[in-house]
């Protein structure tokens, strides 16, 4: 199975069959993944998934240490 970014959502619209939305990490844009990695308090496991996906796409990341 593909890697998920967040859980699947199901919703019902009146008069139509149930709709299901899947949030696979391969469907996320590069900007959304980078935004999540740099967010204030990301979930560590999900952050690693985002980094691995960007590396799979061929985007090289560099990390800079913060000096206080």
N, C-alpha and C. Protein backbone atom coordinates (compact mmCIF):
# COMPACT_ATOMS: atom_id res chain seq x y z
N UNK A 1 0.83 -1.19 0.00
CA UNK A 1 0.00 0.00 0.00
C UNK A 1 0.87 1.24 0.00
N UNK A 2 0.39 2.31 -0.62
CA UNK A 2 1.13 3.57 -0.61
C UNK A 2 1.16 4.18 0.80
N UNK A 3 2.13 5.04 1.02
CA UNK A 3 2.27 5.71 2.30
C UNK A 3 1.20 6.78 2.44
N UNK A 4 0.56 6.81 3.60
CA UNK A 4 -0.50 7.78 3.87
C UNK A 4 0.09 9.00 4.58
N UNK A 5 -0.45 10.17 4.27
CA UNK A 5 -0.07 11.40 4.97
C UNK A 5 -0.98 11.62 6.18
N UNK A 6 -2.25 11.36 6.00
CA UNK A 6 -3.22 11.44 7.10
C UNK A 6 -4.33 10.45 6.83
N UNK A 7 -5.19 10.18 7.79
CA UNK A 7 -6.23 9.15 7.61
C UNK A 7 -7.22 9.49 6.50
N UNK A 8 -7.84 8.45 5.97
CA UNK A 8 -8.84 8.58 4.92
C UNK A 8 -10.12 9.17 5.51
N UNK A 9 -10.77 10.03 4.73
CA UNK A 9 -12.03 10.65 5.16
C UNK A 9 -13.16 10.17 4.27
N UNK A 10 -14.30 9.89 4.86
CA UNK A 10 -15.50 9.53 4.13
C UNK A 10 -16.60 10.52 4.50
N UNK A 11 -17.35 10.94 3.50
CA UNK A 11 -18.45 11.86 3.78
C UNK A 11 -19.60 11.57 2.83
N UNK A 12 -20.76 12.00 3.22
CA UNK A 12 -22.00 11.73 2.48
C UNK A 12 -22.60 13.04 2.05
N UNK A 13 -22.90 13.14 0.76
CA UNK A 13 -23.63 14.29 0.22
C UNK A 13 -25.03 13.80 -0.11
N UNK A 14 -26.03 14.56 0.30
CA UNK A 14 -27.41 14.14 0.12
C UNK A 14 -27.71 13.87 -1.36
N UNK A 15 -28.26 12.71 -1.63
CA UNK A 15 -28.64 12.33 -2.98
C UNK A 15 -27.51 11.70 -3.79
N UNK A 16 -26.34 11.53 -3.19
CA UNK A 16 -25.21 10.94 -3.90
C UNK A 16 -24.62 9.82 -3.06
N UNK A 17 -23.87 8.90 -3.68
CA UNK A 17 -23.24 7.85 -2.88
C UNK A 17 -22.13 8.42 -2.00
N UNK A 18 -21.72 7.63 -1.03
CA UNK A 18 -20.68 8.04 -0.09
C UNK A 18 -19.38 8.32 -0.83
N UNK A 19 -18.74 9.45 -0.51
CA UNK A 19 -17.48 9.86 -1.12
C UNK A 19 -16.32 9.54 -0.17
N UNK A 20 -15.22 9.05 -0.69
CA UNK A 20 -14.04 8.74 0.11
C UNK A 20 -12.85 9.50 -0.45
N UNK A 21 -12.12 10.18 0.43
CA UNK A 21 -10.94 10.92 0.04
C UNK A 21 -9.73 10.30 0.72
N UNK A 22 -8.75 9.89 -0.08
CA UNK A 22 -7.52 9.32 0.44
C UNK A 22 -6.42 10.38 0.40
N UNK A 23 -5.58 10.41 1.41
CA UNK A 23 -4.50 11.38 1.49
C UNK A 23 -3.16 10.65 1.43
N UNK A 24 -2.77 10.25 0.21
CA UNK A 24 -1.50 9.58 0.03
C UNK A 24 -0.40 10.62 -0.09
N UNK A 25 0.79 10.28 0.43
CA UNK A 25 1.89 11.24 0.45
C UNK A 25 2.41 11.51 -0.95
N UNK A 26 2.25 10.56 -1.87
CA UNK A 26 2.71 10.76 -3.24
C UNK A 26 1.84 11.77 -4.00
N UNK A 27 0.65 12.08 -3.48
CA UNK A 27 -0.25 13.03 -4.12
C UNK A 27 -0.04 14.46 -3.61
N UNK A 28 0.75 14.63 -2.55
CA UNK A 28 0.99 15.94 -1.96
C UNK A 28 1.98 16.73 -2.81
N UNK A 29 1.84 18.04 -2.84
CA UNK A 29 2.77 18.88 -3.60
C UNK A 29 4.08 19.03 -2.82
N UNK A 30 5.14 19.40 -3.54
CA UNK A 30 6.43 19.62 -2.89
C UNK A 30 6.34 20.74 -1.85
N UNK A 31 5.60 21.79 -2.18
CA UNK A 31 5.46 22.91 -1.25
C UNK A 31 4.77 22.49 0.04
N UNK A 32 3.75 21.65 -0.08
CA UNK A 32 3.02 21.20 1.12
C UNK A 32 3.92 20.33 1.99
N UNK A 33 4.73 19.47 1.37
CA UNK A 33 5.64 18.62 2.15
C UNK A 33 6.70 19.45 2.85
N UNK A 34 7.29 20.41 2.13
CA UNK A 34 8.31 21.28 2.74
C UNK A 34 7.71 22.12 3.86
N UNK A 35 6.50 22.59 3.67
CA UNK A 35 5.83 23.38 4.70
C UNK A 35 5.62 22.55 5.97
N UNK A 36 5.24 21.27 5.79
CA UNK A 36 5.03 20.41 6.94
C UNK A 36 6.34 20.12 7.67
N UNK A 37 7.41 19.87 6.90
CA UNK A 37 8.72 19.59 7.51
C UNK A 37 9.18 20.78 8.35
N UNK A 38 8.95 21.98 7.86
CA UNK A 38 9.41 23.19 8.54
C UNK A 38 8.39 23.76 9.52
N UNK A 39 7.28 23.07 9.71
CA UNK A 39 6.26 23.59 10.63
C UNK A 39 6.78 23.58 12.07
N UNK A 40 6.04 24.23 12.92
CA UNK A 40 6.46 24.45 14.30
C UNK A 40 6.57 23.16 15.10
N UNK A 41 5.60 22.26 14.99
CA UNK A 41 5.60 21.06 15.82
C UNK A 41 5.11 19.85 15.02
N UNK A 42 5.91 19.37 14.03
CA UNK A 42 5.45 18.23 13.23
C UNK A 42 5.57 16.91 14.00
N UNK A 43 4.76 15.94 13.63
CA UNK A 43 4.85 14.60 14.20
C UNK A 43 6.12 13.97 13.62
N UNK A 44 7.04 13.47 14.45
CA UNK A 44 8.33 12.97 13.94
C UNK A 44 8.20 11.88 12.88
N UNK A 45 7.31 10.93 13.05
CA UNK A 45 7.17 9.84 12.08
C UNK A 45 6.68 10.38 10.74
N UNK A 46 5.75 11.29 10.76
CA UNK A 46 5.21 11.86 9.53
C UNK A 46 6.26 12.77 8.87
N UNK A 47 7.08 13.45 9.67
CA UNK A 47 8.14 14.30 9.14
C UNK A 47 9.16 13.46 8.37
N UNK A 48 9.52 12.30 8.89
CA UNK A 48 10.46 11.40 8.22
C UNK A 48 9.85 10.89 6.91
N UNK A 49 8.55 10.60 6.91
CA UNK A 49 7.88 10.16 5.69
C UNK A 49 7.96 11.25 4.62
N UNK A 50 7.78 12.51 5.01
CA UNK A 50 7.85 13.62 4.06
C UNK A 50 9.26 13.77 3.51
N UNK A 51 10.26 13.66 4.35
CA UNK A 51 11.65 13.77 3.91
C UNK A 51 11.98 12.65 2.94
N UNK A 52 11.55 11.42 3.24
CA UNK A 52 11.80 10.29 2.34
C UNK A 52 11.11 10.48 1.00
N UNK A 53 9.91 11.03 0.99
CA UNK A 53 9.20 11.25 -0.26
C UNK A 53 9.92 12.30 -1.11
N UNK A 54 10.39 13.37 -0.49
CA UNK A 54 11.11 14.40 -1.24
C UNK A 54 12.42 13.84 -1.81
N UNK A 55 13.10 12.99 -1.06
CA UNK A 55 14.32 12.37 -1.58
C UNK A 55 13.99 11.43 -2.74
N UNK A 56 12.88 10.73 -2.68
CA UNK A 56 12.46 9.85 -3.77
C UNK A 56 12.19 10.66 -5.04
N UNK A 57 11.68 11.89 -4.87
CA UNK A 57 11.40 12.76 -6.01
C UNK A 57 12.66 13.43 -6.55
N UNK A 58 13.77 13.28 -5.86
CA UNK A 58 15.03 13.86 -6.34
C UNK A 58 15.31 15.25 -5.81
N UNK A 59 14.63 15.67 -4.76
CA UNK A 59 14.86 16.97 -4.17
C UNK A 59 15.86 16.81 -3.04
N UNK A 60 16.96 17.57 -3.11
CA UNK A 60 18.01 17.46 -2.10
C UNK A 60 17.72 18.47 -0.99
N UNK A 61 17.72 17.99 0.24
CA UNK A 61 17.47 18.84 1.40
C UNK A 61 18.77 19.09 2.14
N UNK A 62 18.94 20.31 2.63
CA UNK A 62 20.08 20.63 3.48
C UNK A 62 19.53 21.17 4.80
N UNK A 63 20.11 20.71 5.88
CA UNK A 63 19.65 21.12 7.20
C UNK A 63 20.73 22.00 7.83
N UNK A 64 20.31 23.12 8.38
CA UNK A 64 21.21 24.06 9.03
C UNK A 64 20.92 24.05 10.52
N UNK A 65 21.98 24.04 11.31
CA UNK A 65 21.82 24.08 12.76
C UNK A 65 21.46 25.51 13.18
N UNK A 66 20.63 25.60 14.18
CA UNK A 66 20.24 26.91 14.70
C UNK A 66 21.19 27.28 15.82
N UNK A 67 21.70 28.50 15.75
CA UNK A 67 22.61 29.00 16.78
C UNK A 67 21.86 29.98 17.65
N UNK A 68 22.00 29.81 18.96
CA UNK A 68 21.29 30.69 19.88
C UNK A 68 22.24 31.64 20.55
